């Protein structure tokens, strides 16, 4: 599994090293590993790759994603219902298809239950930068947001700000209620266990 490696040359080197070490199945856990993964899949046709959220496939390069937009639609209904300021804030990682779909789902759901509500977005253009994410959260709160959606900040950075500022938050990937017991309105999570076990078994069979 390739995760938490900076996108770009470092990722390519790590993938190459895994192949040199004998890996026959490589899971790329970030959208930014797409170009390196696709290039190396062509160079090493006997190695199987699967890539998170990608949009191209080849004989030995598959993609996987979750329908997170469905969960965020439900969370958007909740957010639109509880806001008192009629301002919803979204801190979003990158404008890639998966994240854009989630933003759209939130906006559609909020408008359905609360036509007066506004949705404000800050694109932080990073998958991991807690100080930048917290600054974005504070900026949205200063603009009136009392519900914050944290899209693919897989740390409690936004939740911590929401707890301190007494607003609600919705986060991605894991339940962060322990970091914001009064703040967490919902968490959109996915249990990948069965899928990954099946994929590894099929690819290595």
C-alpha atoms as a PDB file:
ATOM      1  CA  UNK A   1       0.000   0.000   0.000  1.00  0.00           C
ATOM      2  CA  UNK A   2       1.326   3.453  -0.947  1.00  0.00           C
ATOM      3  CA  UNK A   3      -0.004   6.204   1.340  1.00  0.00           C
ATOM      4  CA  UNK A   4       1.353   9.270   3.130  1.00  0.00           C
ATOM      5  CA  UNK A   5       4.150   9.626   0.576  1.00  0.00           C
ATOM      6  CA  UNK A   6       4.500  13.056  -1.071  1.00  0.00           C
ATOM      7  CA  UNK A   7       3.031  13.073  -4.565  1.00  0.00           C
ATOM      8  CA  UNK A   8       5.537  13.421  -7.391  1.00  0.00           C
ATOM      9  CA  UNK A   9       9.066  11.967  -7.647  1.00  0.00           C
ATOM     10  CA  UNK A  10       9.011  10.503  -4.123  1.00  0.00           C
ATOM     11  CA  UNK A  11       5.919   8.455  -4.936  1.00  0.00           C
ATOM     12  CA  UNK A  12       7.482   7.124  -8.132  1.00  0.00           C
ATOM     13  CA  UNK A  13      10.602   6.073  -6.237  1.00  0.00           C
ATOM     14  CA  UNK A  14       8.574   4.316  -3.526  1.00  0.00           C
ATOM     15  CA  UNK A  15       6.512   2.404  -6.097  1.00  0.00           C
ATOM     16  CA  UNK A  16       9.697   1.399  -7.947  1.00  0.00           C
ATOM     17  CA  UNK A  17      11.237   0.187  -4.701  1.00  0.00           C
ATOM     18  CA  UNK A  18       8.178  -1.899  -3.863  1.00  0.00           C
ATOM     19  CA  UNK A  19       8.385  -3.562  -7.264  1.00  0.00           C
ATOM     20  CA  UNK A  20      12.136  -4.160  -6.822  1.00  0.00           C
ATOM     21  CA  UNK A  21      11.363  -5.771  -3.468  1.00  0.00           C
ATOM     22  CA  UNK A  22       9.037  -8.223  -5.207  1.00  0.00           C
ATOM     23  CA  UNK A  23       5.592  -6.695  -4.807  1.00  0.00           C
ATOM     24  CA  UNK A  24       3.051  -8.161  -7.233  1.00  0.00           C
ATOM     25  CA  UNK A  25       0.049  -6.119  -6.083  1.00  0.00           C
ATOM     26  CA  UNK A  26       0.247  -2.383  -5.370  1.00  0.00           C
ATOM     27  CA  UNK A  27      -2.552  -0.302  -3.918  1.00  0.00           C
ATOM     28  CA  UNK A  28      -2.217   3.439  -4.518  1.00  0.00           C
ATOM     29  CA  UNK A  29      -4.145   5.255  -1.808  1.00  0.00           C
ATOM     30  CA  UNK A  30      -4.136   8.825  -3.139  1.00  0.00           C
ATOM     31  CA  UNK A  31      -5.394  10.496  -6.303  1.00  0.00           C
ATOM     32  CA  UNK A  32      -2.003  12.159  -6.775  1.00  0.00           C
ATOM     33  CA  UNK A  33      -0.241   8.838  -7.404  1.00  0.00           C
ATOM     34  CA  UNK A  34      -2.196   8.417 -10.629  1.00  0.00           C
ATOM     35  CA  UNK A  35       0.419   9.433 -13.227  1.00  0.00           C
ATOM     36  CA  UNK A  36       3.303   7.535 -11.638  1.00  0.00           C
ATOM     37  CA  UNK A  37       1.149   4.477 -11.099  1.00  0.00           C
ATOM     38  CA  UNK A  38      -0.151   4.368 -14.654  1.00  0.00           C
ATOM     39  CA  UNK A  39       3.344   4.864 -16.083  1.00  0.00           C
ATOM     40  CA  UNK A  40       4.857   2.101 -13.939  1.00  0.00           C
ATOM     41  CA  UNK A  41       1.952  -0.248 -14.641  1.00  0.00           C
ATOM     42  CA  UNK A  42       2.883  -0.057 -18.331  1.00  0.00           C
ATOM     43  CA  UNK A  43       6.528  -0.766 -17.520  1.00  0.00           C
ATOM     44  CA  UNK A  44       5.709  -3.735 -15.270  1.00  0.00           C
ATOM     45  CA  UNK A  45       2.778  -5.629 -16.830  1.00  0.00           C
ATOM     46  CA  UNK A  46       3.179  -8.523 -14.373  1.00  0.00           C
ATOM     47  CA  UNK A  47       2.405  -6.252 -11.389  1.00  0.00           C
ATOM     48  CA  UNK A  48      -1.248  -5.518 -10.545  1.00  0.00           C
ATOM     49  CA  UNK A  49      -2.192  -1.983  -9.471  1.00  0.00           C
ATOM     50  CA  UNK A  50      -5.371  -0.480  -8.068  1.00  0.00           C
ATOM     51  CA  UNK A  51      -5.667   3.280  -7.621  1.00  0.00           C
ATOM     52  CA  UNK A  52      -7.960   5.397  -5.444  1.00  0.00           C
ATOM     53  CA  UNK A  53     -10.359   7.677  -7.323  1.00  0.00           C
ATOM     54  CA  UNK A  54      -8.627   7.480 -10.693  1.00  0.00           C
ATOM     55  CA  UNK A  55     -10.332   7.843 -14.055  1.00  0.00           C
ATOM     56  CA  UNK A  56      -8.167   5.695 -16.355  1.00  0.00           C
ATOM     57  CA  UNK A  57      -7.638   1.963 -16.399  1.00  0.00           C
ATOM     58  CA  UNK A  58      -5.454  -0.524 -18.239  1.00  0.00           C
ATOM     59  CA  UNK A  59      -4.909  -4.274 -18.279  1.00  0.00           C
ATOM     60  CA  UNK A  60      -3.104  -4.257 -14.927  1.00  0.00           C
ATOM     61  CA  UNK A  61      -4.210  -0.861 -13.566  1.00  0.00           C
ATOM     62  CA  UNK A  62      -7.632  -0.711 -11.952  1.00  0.00           C
ATOM     63  CA  UNK A  63      -9.409   1.963  -9.932  1.00  0.00           C
ATOM     64  CA  UNK A  64     -11.560   2.006  -6.835  1.00  0.00           C
ATOM     65  CA  UNK A  65     -13.655   4.575  -5.015  1.00  0.00           C
ATOM     66  CA  UNK A  66     -16.622   4.781  -2.678  1.00  0.00           C
ATOM     67  CA  UNK A  67     -19.916   6.525  -3.285  1.00  0.00           C
ATOM     68  CA  UNK A  68     -19.086   9.076  -0.623  1.00  0.00           C
ATOM     69  CA  UNK A  69     -21.418  11.569  -2.271  1.00  0.00           C
ATOM     70  CA  UNK A  70     -24.343   9.469  -1.016  1.00  0.00           C
ATOM     71  CA  UNK A  71     -23.237   9.823   2.592  1.00  0.00           C
ATOM     72  CA  UNK A  72     -22.498  13.510   2.106  1.00  0.00           C
ATOM     73  CA  UNK A  73     -25.966  14.054   0.668  1.00  0.00           C
ATOM     74  CA  UNK A  74     -27.468  12.692   3.878  1.00  0.00           C
ATOM     75  CA  UNK A  75     -25.044  14.764   5.952  1.00  0.00           C
ATOM     76  CA  UNK A  76     -26.001  17.799   3.851  1.00  0.00           C
ATOM     77  CA  UNK A  77     -29.633  17.266   4.768  1.00  0.00           C
ATOM     78  CA  UNK A  78     -28.617  17.248   8.429  1.00  0.00           C
ATOM     79  CA  UNK A  79     -26.384  20.302   8.064  1.00  0.00           C
ATOM     80  CA  UNK A  80     -29.029  22.295   6.252  1.00  0.00           C
ATOM     81  CA  UNK A  81     -31.523  21.423   8.975  1.00  0.00           C
ATOM     82  CA  UNK A  82     -29.417  22.437  11.986  1.00  0.00           C
ATOM     83  CA  UNK A  83     -27.750  25.629  10.729  1.00  0.00           C
ATOM     84  CA  UNK A  84     -28.933  28.763  12.465  1.00  0.00           C
ATOM     85  CA  UNK A  85     -26.834  31.187  10.434  1.00  0.00           C
ATOM     86  CA  UNK A  86     -27.903  29.670   7.090  1.00  0.00           C
ATOM     87  CA  UNK A  87     -24.227  29.416   6.156  1.00  0.00           C
ATOM     88  CA  UNK A  88     -22.537  26.087   5.489  1.00  0.00           C
ATOM     89  CA  UNK A  89     -18.750  25.938   5.114  1.00  0.00           C
ATOM     90  CA  UNK A  90     -16.807  23.337   3.162  1.00  0.00           C
ATOM     91  CA  UNK A  91     -13.057  22.796   3.520  1.00  0.00           C
ATOM     92  CA  UNK A  92     -12.171  20.691   0.475  1.00  0.00           C
ATOM     93  CA  UNK A  93      -8.875  19.071  -0.470  1.00  0.00           C
ATOM     94  CA  UNK A  94      -8.548  19.180  -4.284  1.00  0.00           C
ATOM     95  CA  UNK A  95     -11.054  19.782  -7.084  1.00  0.00           C
ATOM     96  CA  UNK A  96     -10.847  16.204  -8.373  1.00  0.00           C
ATOM     97  CA  UNK A  97     -13.998  14.336  -9.518  1.00  0.00           C
ATOM     98  CA  UNK A  98     -14.586  12.508  -6.231  1.00  0.00           C
ATOM     99  CA  UNK A  99     -14.398  15.664  -4.119  1.00  0.00           C
ATOM    100  CA  UNK A 100     -16.420  17.775  -6.580  1.00  0.00           C
ATOM    101  CA  UNK A 101     -19.169  15.135  -6.442  1.00  0.00           C
ATOM    102  CA  UNK A 102     -19.214  15.408  -2.656  1.00  0.00           C
ATOM    103  CA  UNK A 103     -19.407  19.217  -2.765  1.00  0.00           C
ATOM    104  CA  UNK A 104     -22.316  19.008  -5.213  1.00  0.00           C
ATOM    105  CA  UNK A 105     -24.116  16.458  -3.047  1.00  0.00           C
ATOM    106  CA  UNK A 106     -23.803  18.673   0.022  1.00  0.00           C
ATOM    107  CA  UNK A 107     -25.008  21.763  -1.843  1.00  0.00           C
ATOM    108  CA  UNK A 108     -28.006  19.955  -3.357  1.00  0.00           C
ATOM    109  CA  UNK A 109     -29.030  18.495  -0.007  1.00  0.00           C
ATOM    110  CA  UNK A 110     -28.635  21.767   1.894  1.00  0.00           C
ATOM    111  CA  UNK A 111     -30.773  23.611  -0.675  1.00  0.00           C
ATOM    112  CA  UNK A 112     -33.431  20.902  -0.537  1.00  0.00           C
ATOM    113  CA  UNK A 113     -34.083  21.333   3.180  1.00  0.00           C
ATOM    114  CA  UNK A 114     -33.076  24.981   3.516  1.00  0.00           C
ATOM    115  CA  UNK A 115     -33.406  27.085   0.340  1.00  0.00           C
ATOM    116  CA  UNK A 116     -32.180  30.171   2.219  1.00  0.00           C
ATOM    117  CA  UNK A 117     -28.842  28.620   3.147  1.00  0.00           C
ATOM    118  CA  UNK A 118     -25.567  29.573   1.478  1.00  0.00           C
ATOM    119  CA  UNK A 119     -22.683  27.168   0.872  1.00  0.00           C
ATOM    120  CA  UNK A 120     -19.154  28.580   1.001  1.00  0.00           C
ATOM    121  CA  UNK A 121     -16.102  26.571  -0.106  1.00  0.00           C
ATOM    122  CA  UNK A 122     -12.387  26.891   0.584  1.00  0.00           C
ATOM    123  CA  UNK A 123     -10.153  24.699  -1.580  1.00  0.00           C
ATOM    124  CA  UNK A 124      -6.999  24.049   0.441  1.00  0.00           C
ATOM    125  CA  UNK A 125      -5.242  22.129  -2.381  1.00  0.00           C
ATOM    126  CA  UNK A 126      -3.661  19.635  -0.049  1.00  0.00           C
ATOM    127  CA  UNK A 127      -4.511  16.211   1.329  1.00  0.00           C
ATOM    128  CA  UNK A 128      -2.668  16.916   4.580  1.00  0.00           C
ATOM    129  CA  UNK A 129      -1.909  20.297   6.073  1.00  0.00           C
ATOM    130  CA  UNK A 130      -3.598  20.691   9.476  1.00  0.00           C
ATOM    131  CA  UNK A 131      -2.625  24.379  10.031  1.00  0.00           C
ATOM    132  CA  UNK A 132      -3.928  25.339   6.580  1.00  0.00           C
ATOM    133  CA  UNK A 133      -7.128  23.349   7.161  1.00  0.00           C
ATOM    134  CA  UNK A 134      -7.663  25.030  10.518  1.00  0.00           C
ATOM    135  CA  UNK A 135      -7.104  28.475   9.005  1.00  0.00           C
ATOM    136  CA  UNK A 136      -9.712  27.660   6.356  1.00  0.00           C
ATOM    137  CA  UNK A 137     -12.155  26.518   9.031  1.00  0.00           C
ATOM    138  CA  UNK A 138     -11.663  29.718  11.039  1.00  0.00           C
ATOM    139  CA  UNK A 139     -12.094  31.837   7.905  1.00  0.00           C
ATOM    140  CA  UNK A 140     -15.415  30.153   7.128  1.00  0.00           C
ATOM    141  CA  UNK A 141     -16.604  30.594  10.704  1.00  0.00           C
ATOM    142  CA  UNK A 142     -15.701  34.292  10.481  1.00  0.00           C
ATOM    143  CA  UNK A 143     -17.966  34.433   7.407  1.00  0.00           C
ATOM    144  CA  UNK A 144     -20.854  33.056   9.447  1.00  0.00           C
ATOM    145  CA  UNK A 145     -20.601  29.296   8.886  1.00  0.00           C
ATOM    146  CA  UNK A 146     -21.960  27.282  11.797  1.00  0.00           C
ATOM    147  CA  UNK A 147     -21.662  23.886  10.077  1.00  0.00           C
ATOM    148  CA  UNK A 148     -18.315  22.832   8.576  1.00  0.00           C
ATOM    149  CA  UNK A 149     -17.760  19.970   6.155  1.00  0.00           C
ATOM    150  CA  UNK A 150     -14.216  18.588   6.082  1.00  0.00           C
ATOM    151  CA  UNK A 151     -13.661  16.799   2.752  1.00  0.00           C
ATOM    152  CA  UNK A 152     -10.642  14.501   2.877  1.00  0.00           C
ATOM    153  CA  UNK A 153      -8.817  16.081   5.765  1.00  0.00           C
ATOM    154  CA  UNK A 154      -8.186  12.756   7.473  1.00  0.00           C
ATOM    155  CA  UNK A 155      -7.105  14.413  10.719  1.00  0.00           C
ATOM    156  CA  UNK A 156      -9.118  16.085  13.475  1.00  0.00           C
ATOM    157  CA  UNK A 157      -7.847  19.519  12.409  1.00  0.00           C
ATOM    158  CA  UNK A 158     -11.241  20.909  11.370  1.00  0.00           C
ATOM    159  CA  UNK A 159     -13.106  19.051  14.104  1.00  0.00           C
ATOM    160  CA  UNK A 160     -10.851  20.634  16.730  1.00  0.00           C
ATOM    161  CA  UNK A 161     -11.677  24.125  15.446  1.00  0.00           C
ATOM    162  CA  UNK A 162     -15.392  23.304  15.332  1.00  0.00           C
ATOM    163  CA  UNK A 163     -15.302  22.072  18.922  1.00  0.00           C
ATOM    164  CA  UNK A 164     -13.449  25.165  20.122  1.00  0.00           C
ATOM    165  CA  UNK A 165     -15.714  27.563  18.202  1.00  0.00           C
ATOM    166  CA  UNK A 166     -18.943  25.743  19.143  1.00  0.00           C
ATOM    167  CA  UNK A 167     -20.080  24.914  15.605  1.00  0.00           C
ATOM    168  CA  UNK A 168     -20.961  21.613  13.970  1.00  0.00           C
ATOM    169  CA  UNK A 169     -18.667  19.562  11.747  1.00  0.00           C
ATOM    170  CA  UNK A 170     -18.931  16.657   9.329  1.00  0.00           C
ATOM    171  CA  UNK A 171     -15.764  14.782   8.425  1.00  0.00           C
ATOM    172  CA  UNK A 172     -14.515  12.096   6.039  1.00  0.00           C
ATOM    173  CA  UNK A 173     -13.085   8.601   6.513  1.00  0.00           C
ATOM    174  CA  UNK A 174     -13.318   8.031  10.273  1.00  0.00           C
ATOM    175  CA  UNK A 175     -15.480   8.860  13.271  1.00  0.00           C
ATOM    176  CA  UNK A 176     -13.798  11.786  15.029  1.00  0.00           C
ATOM    177  CA  UNK A 177     -16.371  12.257  17.770  1.00  0.00           C
ATOM    178  CA  UNK A 178     -13.647  11.762  20.386  1.00  0.00           C
ATOM    179  CA  UNK A 179     -11.970  14.941  19.111  1.00  0.00           C
ATOM    180  CA  UNK A 180     -15.171  16.975  19.027  1.00  0.00           C
ATOM    181  CA  UNK A 181     -17.887  15.399  21.180  1.00  0.00           C
ATOM    182  CA  UNK A 182     -20.071  18.508  20.952  1.00  0.00           C
ATOM    183  CA  UNK A 183     -19.172  19.328  17.359  1.00  0.00           C
ATOM    184  CA  UNK A 184     -19.387  16.180  15.240  1.00  0.00           C
ATOM    185  CA  UNK A 185     -22.754  16.114  13.511  1.00  0.00           C
ATOM    186  CA  UNK A 186     -21.869  13.147  11.297  1.00  0.00           C
ATOM    187  CA  UNK A 187     -18.926  11.228   9.867  1.00  0.00           C
ATOM    188  CA  UNK A 188     -18.938   9.743   6.358  1.00  0.00           C
ATOM    189  CA  UNK A 189     -16.984   6.497   6.583  1.00  0.00           C
ATOM    190  CA  UNK A 190     -16.307   3.444   4.427  1.00  0.00           C
ATOM    191  CA  UNK A 191     -15.359  -0.064   5.531  1.00  0.00           C
ATOM    192  CA  UNK A 192     -13.037  -1.293   2.778  1.00  0.00           C
ATOM    193  CA  UNK A 193     -12.211  -4.645   4.423  1.00  0.00           C
ATOM    194  CA  UNK A 194     -14.213  -7.047   2.257  1.00  0.00           C
ATOM    195  CA  UNK A 195     -13.374  -5.209  -0.953  1.00  0.00           C
ATOM    196  CA  UNK A 196      -9.619  -5.157  -0.355  1.00  0.00           C
ATOM    197  CA  UNK A 197      -9.516  -8.812   0.737  1.00  0.00           C
ATOM    198  CA  UNK A 198     -11.358  -9.798  -2.450  1.00  0.00           C
ATOM    199  CA  UNK A 199      -9.177  -7.592  -4.696  1.00  0.00           C
ATOM    200  CA  UNK A 200      -5.937  -8.929  -3.258  1.00  0.00           C
ATOM    201  CA  UNK A 201      -7.186 -12.502  -3.519  1.00  0.00           C
ATOM    202  CA  UNK A 202      -8.318 -12.056  -7.125  1.00  0.00           C
ATOM    203  CA  UNK A 203      -5.138 -10.288  -8.251  1.00  0.00           C
ATOM    204  CA  UNK A 204      -2.766 -12.746  -6.605  1.00  0.00           C
ATOM    205  CA  UNK A 205      -4.714 -15.909  -7.456  1.00  0.00           C
END
